[in-house]
């Protein structure tokens, strides 16, 4: 989960965009309903959401992935 979310943030930045916890959590909720992402449905939501929160904090600490500029 961490690697996927981190890569998504890098890809947004490469394109000049931004994605943070709120949007990633929204997308996670949608992905858990998708049969192609069954592995997400097997994991407890709070565990996946905490991974996204931890990533958000790590990016803020490193001042990466979270700035809009």
Foldseek 3Di string as FASTA:
>chain_A
DLVVVVVVLVVQVVVLAADALVVVLVVLVVLCVDPVNVVSVVDDSVVVSVSRVVSRVVCVVVVHSHDND
